Amino acid sequence: MLPPVVPQPESERALKGPGFTIGAETPIIVKSSDPDSREVGRYLGRLLRPATGYDLKVEAGRRDHRPAITLDRGGPKSLGEEGYTLTSRAEGVRLTARGAEGLFRGIQTLRQLLPAAVESPTVQRARWTVAPVHITDKPRYGYRSTMLDVARRFYPVADVKRYIDQAAAYKMNTLHLHLTDDQGWRIAIDALPNLTKAGASTQSGFTGGSWFYTKAQYQEIVAYAKSRFITVVPEIDGPGHTSAAQASVPDINCDDKTIPPYSGFDVKISVVCLRDPQHIANVSKFLTTVMTEVAALTPGPYIHVGGDEVPARPAEEYKAYVQAATSAVQAQGKKVIGWHDLSAGTIPAGSLMQYWGDEDARETIGTAEEHKDILLARKGVAQNASFIMSPADRSYLDMKYDSSTPYGLRWAGYVPVKNAYDWDPTTVTAKPDGTSPVVPANQIAGVEAALWADRAYTGSNELPTSTSQFVEPSVYTDFMAFPRLPAVAEIGWSPKSTHDWTRFSSRLAAQGPRWKAAGIGFYAAPDVPWANGS
């Protein structure tokens, strides 16, 4: 019987024999002098230590050493940067890749071949046998992201790191941080200190605080993500979702006065002033200042400039913002990401548009009255953009599972686990029958599971009456992301030919004991056949 691995590997077959049992003297052999590969070996040792109690030695070696866990970066080019092969037999485990990143992805599979108790933070009594199997695996898409909305609900650094580890376990490789919105500005900008003095004083439902990341804290998050082979994409939203900025910087408002900080729950309530050349220049200067400092802190290639849910304004004003934002990003040598709405302006070739349309938009494809989301997608395609697919009715993790869900929203409909899994990126902009896709397959970069925090409190069908309704960010995240984050992760990683809800739900159910062992407060969704006690 094959072990239940999520995401489903590209190819796997069970091997005969008892598998390999890890003991206190089992070495981790790294067949490379590459420091990143050796660090992956040490990561594996740290990963296994809490539950097993073993302090496994990490050794460099060119010769095979048995019994051992061997990490070998001598894999073929066909594996790409993230692919790997994994073989487990009685005499040892061998993980082969082209580099450290592939070895790291393979380790996430290796941990699922061990008993669920391996995820426990305390020593457990168990026989640590790796299931006998041979796996060859590599990702379908190179961009596999998840998003945290730290603007509306501030996440302490420790909670962001915890989510990075959770995402890495399911082979996600990008973390999109929604750093700015009406309810808060979350990153320090030295040249504009009022952004965190005034702009960071609110959250949705909270006032009078100071909720932001210092530059050192942001760099700590970026470095931690990098150690898990995850790229951080910062988002500086605009021209709407800007109340926090407008509460901090007077000359981006038409009357050159700051507005009060905002702690409410509405959208489409703000827009920076773009009605005349002077204010366009002011906004451009603001964006240049911010993007310069954010880019210097962000080694990854992307900056997200937002662009969605803007109050009605003349088209030329929106286009002026797109020009200012994209120019500021490009000046720092970064690539532009934006919500697909950004395609209404002129975007640089090679930009990434994040498509968040839903089933309602698909139903209009090819009609005389196509939905605005489809029209904007067409504009993005025409401008040679690639697309990140994050359809709101499939991969927005803040949507309620069903009517009993205590948190979140339902404007895109309920999103049970089956809906989060039962879709394909190539048909997100196709007709309901899957034909006539607006975005060609070769312009799809990947997927994103977006966890907004608009309503991160109990009783979210109504506005809150007390801050006591708000749960800790990690509680909200666990419940809303699990089990749906692994579902979207599999859509991004596994071959389309392997996608099957019945088989996936069975493999997903086997993750339940792992999440319990790790202390993840997941939602035991009724559409998943959990084992008793999960």
Protein backbone atom coordinates (compact mmCIF):
# COMPACT_ATOMS: atom_id res chain seq x y z
CA MET A 1 0.00 0.00 0.00
CA LEU A 2 1.29 3.46 -0.91
CA PRO A 3 1.69 5.97 1.93
CA PRO A 4 -0.78 8.90 1.87
CA VAL A 5 1.36 11.86 0.79
CA VAL A 6 0.09 15.42 0.19
CA PRO A 7 0.76 16.87 -2.36
CA GLN A 8 0.49 13.71 -4.45
CA PRO A 9 3.95 12.89 -5.91
CA GLU A 10 4.38 12.74 -9.65
CA SER A 11 5.34 9.06 -9.47
CA GLU A 12 5.54 6.60 -6.59
CA ARG A 13 5.65 2.86 -6.11
CA ALA A 14 5.70 0.71 -3.03
CA LEU A 15 8.81 -1.40 -2.45
CA LYS A 16 9.05 -4.79 -0.81
CA GLY A 17 10.54 -5.06 2.61
CA PRO A 18 10.14 -3.49 6.02
CA GLY A 19 11.35 0.01 5.24
CA PHE A 20 14.09 1.84 7.12
CA THR A 21 13.97 2.41 10.87
CA ILE A 22 15.69 5.52 12.18
CA GLY A 23 17.60 5.02 15.41
CA ALA A 24 19.60 7.17 17.78
CA GLU A 25 22.82 6.40 15.88
CA THR A 26 21.48 6.93 12.36
CA PRO A 27 23.64 9.51 10.58
CA ILE A 28 22.41 12.11 8.11
CA ILE A 29 24.97 12.03 5.31
CA VAL A 30 25.15 15.05 3.02
CA LYS A 31 27.00 14.19 -0.19
CA SER A 32 27.93 17.75 -1.02
CA SER A 33 30.22 20.54 0.13
CA ASP A 34 27.47 23.05 -0.66
CA PRO A 35 26.66 24.97 2.56
CA ASP A 36 22.94 25.24 1.68
CA SER A 37 22.68 21.46 1.27
CA ARG A 38 24.46 20.91 4.59
CA GLU A 39 22.04 23.32 6.23
CA VAL A 40 19.16 21.25 4.83
CA GLY A 41 20.73 18.23 6.55
CA ARG A 42 20.84 20.13 9.83
CA TYR A 43 17.23 21.22 9.28
CA LEU A 44 16.24 17.55 9.00
CA GLY A 45 18.05 16.78 12.22
CA ARG A 46 16.24 19.61 14.03
CA LEU A 47 12.93 18.49 12.54
CA LEU A 48 13.29 14.93 13.87
CA ARG A 49 14.76 15.76 17.26
CA PRO A 50 11.69 16.88 19.30
CA ALA A 51 9.56 13.75 18.74
CA THR A 52 12.29 11.12 18.46
CA GLY A 53 14.62 12.50 21.12
CA TYR A 54 17.51 11.66 18.78
CA ASP A 55 20.33 14.13 18.18
CA LEU A 56 21.24 12.77 14.76
CA LYS A 57 24.71 13.66 13.51
CA VAL A 58 24.98 15.45 10.19
CA GLU A 59 28.10 14.35 8.33
CA ALA A 60 29.69 15.15 4.99
CA GLY A 61 30.66 12.18 2.89
CA ARG A 62 31.24 11.11 -0.68
CA ARG A 63 30.89 7.37 -0.15
CA ASP A 64 27.64 5.63 0.59
CA HIS A 65 27.21 4.94 4.29
CA ARG A 66 24.63 2.40 5.41
CA PRO A 67 22.39 2.43 7.30
CA ALA A 68 21.83 6.19 6.95
CA ILE A 69 19.68 8.97 5.64
CA THR A 70 21.64 10.19 2.61
CA LEU A 71 21.08 13.57 0.97
CA ASP A 72 22.66 13.64 -2.48
CA ARG A 73 22.57 16.70 -4.72
CA GLY A 74 23.76 14.77 -7.77
CA GLY A 75 20.33 14.43 -9.35
CA PRO A 76 19.60 14.76 -13.09
CA LYS A 77 18.68 18.05 -14.76
CA SER A 78 15.21 16.69 -15.48
CA LEU A 79 14.32 17.17 -11.79
CA GLY A 80 14.65 20.94 -12.06
CA GLU A 81 15.41 23.07 -9.00
CA GLU A 82 12.64 21.67 -6.80
CA GLY A 83 12.35 18.06 -7.92
CA TYR A 84 13.74 15.06 -6.07
CA THR A 85 13.79 11.30 -5.89
CA LEU A 86 13.35 9.43 -2.63
CA THR A 87 14.02 5.75 -2.00
CA SER A 88 13.44 4.05 1.34
CA ARG A 89 14.67 0.50 1.91
CA ALA A 90 15.72 -1.47 4.98
CA GLU A 91 19.32 -0.32 4.53
CA GLY A 92 18.55 3.38 4.44
CA VAL A 93 16.83 6.38 2.90
CA ARG A 94 18.32 8.12 -0.11
CA LEU A 95 17.10 11.55 -1.18
CA THR A 96 18.51 12.89 -4.46
CA ALA A 97 18.03 16.32 -6.02
CA ARG A 98 19.90 18.86 -8.12
CA GLY A 99 20.36 21.22 -5.21
CA ALA A 100 19.40 22.21 -1.70
CA GLU A 101 15.89 23.33 -2.63
CA GLY A 102 15.00 19.95 -4.10
CA LEU A 103 16.42 18.20 -1.05
CA PHE A 104 14.27 20.42 1.16
CA ARG A 105 11.10 19.60 -0.80
CA GLY A 106 11.94 15.90 -0.54
CA ILE A 107 12.29 16.16 3.22
CA GLN A 108 8.67 17.33 3.40
CA THR A 109 7.70 14.05 1.77
CA LEU A 110 10.04 12.06 4.01
CA ARG A 111 8.33 13.37 7.13
CA GLN A 112 4.98 12.06 5.80
CA LEU A 113 6.51 8.59 5.39
CA LEU A 114 7.12 8.45 9.15
CA PRO A 115 4.49 7.90 11.86
CA ALA A 116 2.26 10.93 12.54
CA ALA A 117 3.80 11.31 15.99
CA VAL A 118 6.96 12.67 14.34
CA GLU A 119 5.19 16.05 14.23
CA SER A 120 4.93 16.22 18.03
CA PRO A 121 6.96 18.91 19.84
CA THR A 122 7.72 16.45 22.67
CA VAL A 123 9.41 13.04 22.79
CA GLN A 124 7.09 10.20 21.76
CA ARG A 125 7.44 6.44 22.08
CA ALA A 126 7.30 5.08 18.55
CA ARG A 127 9.17 2.98 16.03
CA TRP A 128 10.44 5.54 13.54
CA THR A 129 10.15 3.49 10.37
CA VAL A 130 10.13 5.16 6.96
CA ALA A 131 7.65 3.44 4.65
CA PRO A 132 9.38 1.47 1.85
CA VAL A 133 8.78 3.40 -1.33
CA HIS A 134 10.40 4.93 -4.41
CA ILE A 135 9.24 8.43 -5.38
CA THR A 136 10.13 10.71 -8.27
CA ASP A 137 8.61 14.14 -7.94
CA LYS A 138 8.70 17.71 -9.22
CA PRO A 139 6.20 20.60 -9.26
CA ARG A 140 3.64 21.38 -11.94
CA TYR A 141 3.94 25.14 -11.36
CA GLY A 142 6.93 27.17 -10.27
CA TYR A 143 4.86 29.74 -8.32
CA ARG A 144 2.94 28.28 -5.36
CA SER A 145 1.96 30.93 -2.87
CA THR A 146 -0.07 31.63 0.20
CA MET A 147 -1.00 35.05 1.55
CA LEU A 148 -1.35 36.47 5.06
CA ASP A 149 -3.37 39.63 5.56
CA VAL A 150 -1.27 41.19 8.30
CA ALA A 151 -2.73 44.63 7.57
CA ARG A 152 -6.24 44.01 8.87
CA ARG A 153 -5.13 41.59 11.62
CA PHE A 154 -1.56 42.00 12.76
CA TYR A 155 0.44 38.78 13.07
CA PRO A 156 3.38 38.76 15.49
CA VAL A 157 6.66 37.56 13.97
CA ALA A 158 6.38 34.17 15.71
CA ASP A 159 2.96 33.57 14.13
CA VAL A 160 4.27 34.44 10.67
CA LYS A 161 7.15 32.00 11.14
CA ARG A 162 4.75 29.31 12.28
CA TYR A 163 2.69 29.77 9.11
CA ILE A 164 5.84 29.67 6.99
CA ASP A 165 6.63 26.25 8.45
CA GLN A 166 3.08 25.07 7.82
CA ALA A 167 3.19 26.24 4.20
CA ALA A 168 6.64 24.76 3.62
CA ALA A 169 5.41 21.36 4.82
CA TYR A 170 3.11 21.28 1.77
CA LYS A 171 5.78 22.53 -0.65
CA MET A 172 4.56 26.11 -1.02
CA ASN A 173 7.42 28.35 -2.16
CA THR A 174 6.05 31.91 -1.84
CA LEU A 175 4.62 33.98 1.03
CA HIS A 176 2.62 37.04 -0.03
CA LEU A 177 2.43 39.54 2.84
CA HIS A 178 -0.43 42.02 2.51
CA LEU A 179 1.39 44.73 4.44
CA THR A 180 -0.84 47.75 3.90
CA ASP A 181 -4.57 48.44 3.80
CA ASP A 182 -7.14 50.84 5.21
CA GLN A 183 -6.78 49.31 8.67
CA GLY A 184 -3.02 49.41 9.01
CA TRP A 185 0.47 50.03 7.67
CA ARG A 186 2.77 47.27 8.87
CA ILE A 187 6.32 48.00 7.72
CA ALA A 188 8.68 50.71 8.94
CA ILE A 189 9.76 53.27 6.34
CA ASP A 190 12.56 55.43 7.73
CA ALA A 191 11.87 58.38 5.44
CA LEU A 192 8.18 58.43 6.43
CA PRO A 193 8.04 57.61 10.16
CA ASN A 194 4.41 58.69 10.49
CA LEU A 195 3.37 55.64 8.46
CA THR A 196 3.95 53.54 11.55
CA LYS A 197 3.20 56.24 14.11
CA ALA A 198 -0.32 56.92 12.80
CA GLY A 199 -0.83 54.24 10.15
CA ALA A 200 0.04 51.34 12.45
CA SER A 201 -2.19 52.50 15.31
CA THR A 202 -5.24 50.53 14.15
CA GLN A 203 -6.39 47.07 13.11
CA SER A 204 -9.86 45.91 12.13
CA GLY A 205 -11.70 46.37 15.41
CA PHE A 206 -8.72 47.73 17.37
CA THR A 207 -7.33 51.21 18.03
CA GLY A 208 -4.55 52.76 20.07
CA GLY A 209 -1.79 50.29 19.31
CA SER A 210 1.53 50.18 17.50
CA TRP A 211 1.31 47.17 15.22
CA PHE A 212 4.09 46.98 12.67
CA TYR A 213 7.32 45.21 11.76
CA THR A 214 10.57 47.04 12.31
CA LYS A 215 13.03 46.65 9.48
CA ALA A 216 14.92 44.11 11.55
CA GLN A 217 11.75 42.10 12.19
CA TYR A 218 10.79 42.14 8.52
CA GLN A 219 14.28 40.97 7.59
CA GLU A 220 13.97 38.24 10.21
CA ILE A 221 10.78 37.02 8.52
CA VAL A 222 12.41 37.17 5.08
CA ALA A 223 15.47 35.24 6.29
CA TYR A 224 13.34 32.61 8.01
CA ALA A 225 11.28 32.13 4.87
CA LYS A 226 14.45 31.84 2.79
CA SER A 227 15.69 29.08 5.09
CA ARG A 228 12.50 27.20 4.11
CA PHE A 229 13.03 28.05 0.41
CA ILE A 230 10.10 30.43 0.46
CA THR A 231 10.25 33.81 -1.26
CA VAL A 232 8.53 36.73 0.47
CA VAL A 233 6.44 39.02 -1.75
CA PRO A 234 5.56 42.29 0.02
CA GLU A 235 2.37 44.06 -1.04
CA ILE A 236 2.01 47.84 -0.88
CA ASP A 237 -1.62 48.27 -1.90
CA GLY A 238 -3.07 51.16 -3.87
CA PRO A 239 -4.60 53.35 -5.17
CA GLY A 240 -7.45 52.13 -2.94
CA HIS A 241 -7.11 50.38 0.42
CA THR A 242 -4.97 53.34 1.46
CA SER A 243 -6.59 54.87 4.55
CA ALA A 244 -3.56 54.04 6.73
CA ALA A 245 -1.25 55.82 4.29
CA GLN A 246 -3.65 58.75 3.99
CA ALA A 247 -3.76 59.00 7.79
CA SER A 248 0.01 59.37 7.76
CA VAL A 249 1.05 61.36 4.68
CA PRO A 250 -0.93 64.58 4.10
CA ASP A 251 0.05 65.43 0.52
CA ILE A 252 -1.37 62.24 -1.00
CA ASN A 253 -4.82 63.60 -0.04
CA CYS A 254 -6.56 66.18 -2.21
CA ASP A 255 -6.84 68.68 0.67
CA ASP A 256 -3.24 68.00 1.79
CA LYS A 257 -4.48 67.01 5.24
CA THR A 258 -4.29 63.62 6.91
CA ILE A 259 -7.46 61.65 7.58
CA PRO A 260 -8.27 59.86 10.86
CA PRO A 261 -6.86 56.31 11.21
CA TYR A 262 -9.45 53.68 10.29
CA SER A 263 -10.32 50.53 12.24
CA GLY A 264 -13.53 49.47 10.51
CA PHE A 265 -14.50 46.70 8.11
CA ASP A 266 -15.67 48.37 4.90
CA VAL A 267 -13.97 48.28 1.49
CA LYS A 268 -13.85 50.80 -1.36
CA ILE A 269 -13.66 53.65 1.13
CA SER A 270 -10.35 55.25 0.16
CA VAL A 271 -8.23 56.36 -2.77
CA VAL A 272 -5.14 58.54 -2.96
CA CYS A 273 -5.47 61.85 -4.80
CA LEU A 274 -4.69 61.64 -8.53
CA ARG A 275 -6.89 64.43 -9.86
CA ASP A 276 -4.14 66.89 -10.83
CA PRO A 277 -0.46 66.83 -11.86
CA GLN A 278 0.78 68.03 -8.47
CA HIS A 279 -0.92 65.24 -6.56
CA ILE A 280 0.12 62.64 -9.12
CA ALA A 281 3.68 63.84 -8.49
CA ASN A 282 3.11 63.62 -4.72
CA VAL A 283 1.84 60.03 -5.00
CA SER A 284 4.74 59.11 -7.30
CA LYS A 285 7.24 60.52 -4.79
CA PHE A 286 5.52 58.62 -1.98
CA LEU A 287 5.63 55.35 -3.92
CA THR A 288 9.26 55.84 -4.92
CA THR A 289 10.22 56.42 -1.30
CA VAL A 290 8.32 53.38 -0.05
CA MET A 291 9.34 50.99 -2.84
CA THR A 292 12.99 51.99 -2.51
CA GLU A 293 13.08 51.01 1.16
CA VAL A 294 10.92 47.90 0.78
CA ALA A 295 12.99 46.64 -2.16
CA ALA A 296 16.19 47.05 -0.18
CA LEU A 297 14.78 44.76 2.51
CA THR A 298 13.42 42.19 0.06
CA PRO A 299 15.89 39.94 -1.80
CA GLY A 300 13.13 38.24 -3.79
CA PRO A 301 12.35 39.41 -7.34
CA TYR A 302 8.79 40.69 -6.80
CA ILE A 303 6.83 43.54 -5.24
CA HIS A 304 3.02 43.41 -5.27
CA VAL A 305 1.36 46.78 -5.93
CA GLY A 306 -2.28 45.82 -5.30
CA GLY A 307 -4.77 47.61 -7.53
CA ASP A 308 -8.13 46.09 -6.54
CA GLU A 309 -11.39 47.46 -5.10
CA VAL A 310 -10.87 51.12 -5.95
CA PRO A 311 -13.77 53.58 -5.56
CA ALA A 312 -15.10 54.86 -8.88
CA ARG A 313 -12.70 57.38 -10.39
CA PRO A 314 -11.88 58.51 -13.93
CA ALA A 315 -9.92 55.84 -15.83
CA GLU A 316 -7.03 58.23 -16.37
CA GLU A 317 -6.51 58.58 -12.61
CA TYR A 318 -6.23 54.82 -12.20
CA LYS A 319 -3.84 54.60 -15.14
CA ALA A 320 -1.70 57.33 -13.58
CA TYR A 321 -1.40 55.26 -10.41
CA VAL A 322 -0.46 52.12 -12.34
CA GLN A 323 2.27 54.09 -14.13
CA ALA A 324 3.60 55.51 -10.86
CA ALA A 325 3.54 52.22 -8.96
CA THR A 326 5.03 50.05 -11.69
CA SER A 327 7.75 52.61 -12.45
CA ALA A 328 8.71 52.75 -8.76
CA VAL A 329 8.99 48.96 -8.62
CA GLN A 330 10.93 48.64 -11.87
CA ALA A 331 13.35 51.37 -10.78
CA GLN A 332 14.42 49.03 -7.98
CA GLY A 333 15.03 46.13 -10.36
CA LYS A 334 11.94 44.25 -9.19
CA LYS A 335 9.15 42.58 -11.14
CA VAL A 336 5.58 43.80 -10.76
CA ILE A 337 2.76 41.74 -9.30
CA GLY A 338 -0.73 43.17 -9.04
CA TRP A 339 -4.32 42.08 -8.76
CA HIS A 340 -5.73 41.46 -12.23
CA ASP A 341 -7.51 44.85 -12.00
CA LEU A 342 -4.09 46.43 -12.64
CA SER A 343 -4.38 45.38 -16.30
CA ALA A 344 -6.67 48.38 -16.83
CA GLY A 345 -3.46 50.41 -16.98
CA THR A 346 -0.23 49.91 -18.87
CA ILE A 347 1.80 47.19 -17.16
CA PRO A 348 5.35 46.08 -17.93
CA ALA A 349 5.67 42.97 -20.08
CA GLY A 350 6.39 39.98 -17.85
CA SER A 351 4.33 41.30 -14.94
CA LEU A 352 2.33 38.84 -12.86
CA MET A 353 -1.41 39.47 -12.53
CA GLN A 354 -3.19 37.76 -9.65
CA TYR A 355 -6.61 36.69 -10.88
CA TRP A 356 -9.30 36.52 -8.19
CA GLY A 357 -12.47 36.25 -10.29
CA ASP A 358 -15.05 33.56 -9.63
CA GLU A 359 -17.69 31.39 -11.31
CA ASP A 360 -19.94 34.36 -12.07
CA ALA A 361 -17.25 35.80 -14.33
CA ARG A 362 -16.71 32.49 -16.15
CA GLU A 363 -20.36 32.26 -17.08
CA THR A 364 -20.09 35.42 -19.19
CA ILE A 365 -17.13 34.34 -21.35
CA GLY A 366 -17.90 34.66 -25.03
CA THR A 367 -21.10 36.64 -24.45
CA ALA A 368 -21.83 40.19 -25.52
CA GLU A 369 -21.55 41.31 -21.89
CA GLU A 370 -18.42 39.72 -20.49
CA HIS A 371 -17.73 40.32 -16.80
CA LYS A 372 -15.19 43.05 -16.04
CA ASP A 373 -12.84 40.44 -14.55
CA ILE A 374 -12.74 38.59 -17.86
CA LEU A 375 -12.22 41.81 -19.81
CA LEU A 376 -9.33 42.73 -17.51
CA ALA A 377 -7.84 39.26 -17.87
CA ARG A 378 -7.92 39.73 -21.64
CA LYS A 379 -6.06 43.02 -21.24
CA GLY A 380 -3.43 41.35 -19.09
CA VAL A 381 -2.92 38.57 -21.63
CA ALA A 382 -2.58 41.16 -24.41
CA GLN A 383 0.15 42.89 -22.38
CA ASN A 384 2.12 39.63 -22.05
CA ALA A 385 1.43 39.23 -18.33
CA SER A 386 1.59 35.86 -16.64
CA PHE A 387 -1.11 34.94 -14.13
CA ILE A 388 -1.30 33.67 -10.57
CA MET A 389 -4.63 31.92 -10.18
CA SER A 390 -6.42 32.53 -6.90
CA PRO A 391 -10.15 32.33 -7.68
CA ALA A 392 -12.08 33.68 -4.71
CA ASP A 393 -14.63 30.85 -4.75
CA ARG A 394 -11.87 28.23 -4.60
CA SER A 395 -8.68 29.52 -3.00
CA TYR A 396 -9.74 32.38 -0.72
CA LEU A 397 -9.20 30.80 2.68
CA ASP A 398 -11.22 33.46 4.49
CA MET A 399 -14.44 32.23 2.88
CA LYS A 400 -16.55 30.20 5.30
CA TYR A 401 -16.63 26.43 4.87
CA ASP A 402 -20.36 26.43 5.55
CA SER A 403 -23.00 28.22 7.62
CA SER A 404 -21.51 26.92 10.89
CA THR A 405 -18.06 28.48 10.36
CA PRO A 406 -17.51 31.03 13.15
CA TYR A 407 -15.07 33.25 11.20
CA GLY A 408 -14.75 34.76 7.78
CA LEU A 409 -17.04 35.90 4.99
CA ARG A 410 -19.19 34.35 2.28
CA TRP A 411 -19.41 36.95 -0.50
CA ALA A 412 -17.81 34.44 -2.90
CA GLY A 413 -19.98 31.63 -1.54
CA TYR A 414 -19.10 28.89 0.89
CA VAL A 415 -15.81 27.12 0.13
CA PRO A 416 -15.86 23.59 1.55
CA VAL A 417 -12.68 21.55 1.20
CA LYS A 418 -13.93 19.86 -1.96
CA ASN A 419 -14.35 23.24 -3.66
CA ALA A 420 -10.84 24.26 -2.59
CA TYR A 421 -9.52 21.15 -4.35
CA ASP A 422 -11.88 20.54 -7.25
CA TRP A 423 -10.60 23.13 -9.74
CA ASP A 424 -7.76 23.58 -12.19
CA PRO A 425 -5.72 26.71 -12.99
CA THR A 426 -6.14 26.21 -16.75
CA THR A 427 -9.93 26.58 -16.55
CA VAL A 428 -10.23 29.45 -14.05
CA THR A 429 -10.76 31.83 -16.97
CA ALA A 430 -12.56 29.30 -19.20
CA LYS A 431 -16.23 28.78 -19.88
CA PRO A 432 -18.05 26.57 -17.33
CA ASP A 433 -17.53 23.58 -19.65
CA GLY A 434 -13.75 24.18 -19.57
CA THR A 435 -13.44 25.49 -23.11
CA SER A 436 -12.20 28.80 -24.53
CA PRO A 437 -9.78 29.80 -21.73
CA VAL A 438 -8.98 33.51 -21.75
CA VAL A 439 -5.57 32.98 -20.15
CA PRO A 440 -3.49 30.46 -22.15
CA ALA A 441 -1.87 27.65 -20.20
CA ASN A 442 1.60 28.96 -21.05
CA GLN A 443 0.80 32.26 -19.31
CA ILE A 444 -0.13 30.64 -15.99
CA ALA A 445 2.68 31.00 -13.44
CA GLY A 446 0.96 29.21 -10.58
CA VAL A 447 -1.54 29.48 -7.74
CA GLU A 448 -2.14 31.25 -4.44
CA ALA A 449 -4.19 30.43 -1.36
CA ALA A 450 -5.12 33.83 0.08
CA LEU A 451 -6.03 34.18 3.76
CA TRP A 452 -7.65 37.56 4.28
CA ALA A 453 -8.44 38.78 7.77
CA ASP A 454 -11.49 40.98 7.14
CA ARG A 455 -13.54 39.05 9.69
CA ALA A 456 -11.09 37.20 11.94
CA TYR A 457 -13.52 37.00 14.84
CA THR A 458 -16.38 34.84 16.06
CA GLY A 459 -19.89 35.75 14.97
CA SER A 460 -18.53 37.19 11.73
CA ASN A 461 -21.91 37.39 10.00
CA GLU A 462 -22.30 40.63 11.94
CA LEU A 463 -19.91 43.40 12.90
CA PRO A 464 -18.19 42.77 16.24
CA THR A 465 -19.38 44.45 19.41
CA SER A 466 -16.34 43.54 21.51
CA THR A 467 -12.66 42.84 20.96
CA SER A 468 -13.18 39.65 22.98
CA GLN A 469 -14.71 38.14 19.82
CA PHE A 470 -11.29 38.20 18.14
CA VAL A 471 -9.27 35.01 18.45
CA GLU A 472 -5.49 34.89 18.29
CA PRO A 473 -4.16 35.06 14.71
CA SER A 474 -2.78 31.51 14.91
CA VAL A 475 -6.19 30.15 15.96
CA TYR A 476 -7.90 31.87 13.03
CA THR A 477 -5.18 30.75 10.62
CA ASP A 478 -5.20 27.10 11.70
CA PHE A 479 -8.95 26.81 11.40
CA MET A 480 -9.33 28.57 8.06
CA ALA A 481 -6.19 27.23 6.35
CA PHE A 482 -6.41 23.61 7.40
CA PRO A 483 -7.44 21.54 5.56
CA ARG A 484 -7.80 23.90 2.58
CA LEU A 485 -4.18 25.10 2.28
CA PRO A 486 -2.96 21.54 1.50
CA ALA A 487 -5.74 21.27 -1.10
CA VAL A 488 -4.53 24.34 -2.99
CA ALA A 489 -0.92 23.21 -2.51
CA GLU A 490 -1.70 19.98 -4.32
CA ILE A 491 -3.34 21.89 -7.19
CA GLY A 492 -0.11 23.83 -7.62
CA TRP A 493 2.35 20.95 -7.19
CA SER A 494 0.87 17.71 -8.49
CA PRO A 495 0.25 16.71 -12.12
CA LYS A 496 -3.27 17.39 -13.32
CA SER A 497 -3.65 13.70 -14.12
CA THR A 498 -3.44 12.84 -10.41
CA HIS A 499 -6.26 15.16 -9.32
CA ASP A 500 -9.11 13.10 -7.92
CA TRP A 501 -11.25 14.26 -4.99
CA THR A 502 -12.00 10.81 -3.58
CA ARG A 503 -8.35 9.77 -3.48
CA PHE A 504 -7.24 13.17 -2.26
CA SER A 505 -9.78 13.29 0.57
CA SER A 506 -8.52 9.91 1.77
CA ARG A 507 -4.91 11.10 1.76
CA LEU A 508 -5.96 14.37 3.39
CA ALA A 509 -7.73 12.49 6.18
CA ALA A 510 -4.41 10.83 7.03
CA GLN A 511 -2.97 14.28 7.73
CA GLY A 512 -5.37 14.78 10.64
CA PRO A 513 -3.29 12.87 13.20
CA ARG A 514 -0.22 14.79 12.06
CA TRP A 515 -1.94 18.11 12.61
CA LYS A 516 -3.14 17.00 16.03
CA ALA A 517 0.39 15.98 16.96
CA ALA A 518 1.72 19.34 15.77
CA GLY A 519 -0.93 21.31 17.67
CA ILE A 520 -2.67 22.68 14.56
CA GLY A 521 -6.27 23.53 15.40
CA PHE A 522 -7.75 22.45 12.07
CA TYR A 523 -11.38 22.25 11.04
CA ALA A 524 -12.57 18.63 10.88
CA ALA A 525 -14.53 19.22 7.68
CA PRO A 526 -17.45 16.82 7.19
CA ASP A 527 -16.53 16.22 3.53
CA VAL A 528 -13.25 14.54 4.57
CA PRO A 529 -13.30 10.90 5.80
CA TRP A 530 -11.27 11.47 8.96
CA ALA A 531 -10.11 8.48 10.97
CA ASN A 532 -11.74 8.06 14.38
CA GLY A 533 -10.20 10.46 16.83
CA SER A 534 -9.03 12.97 14.21
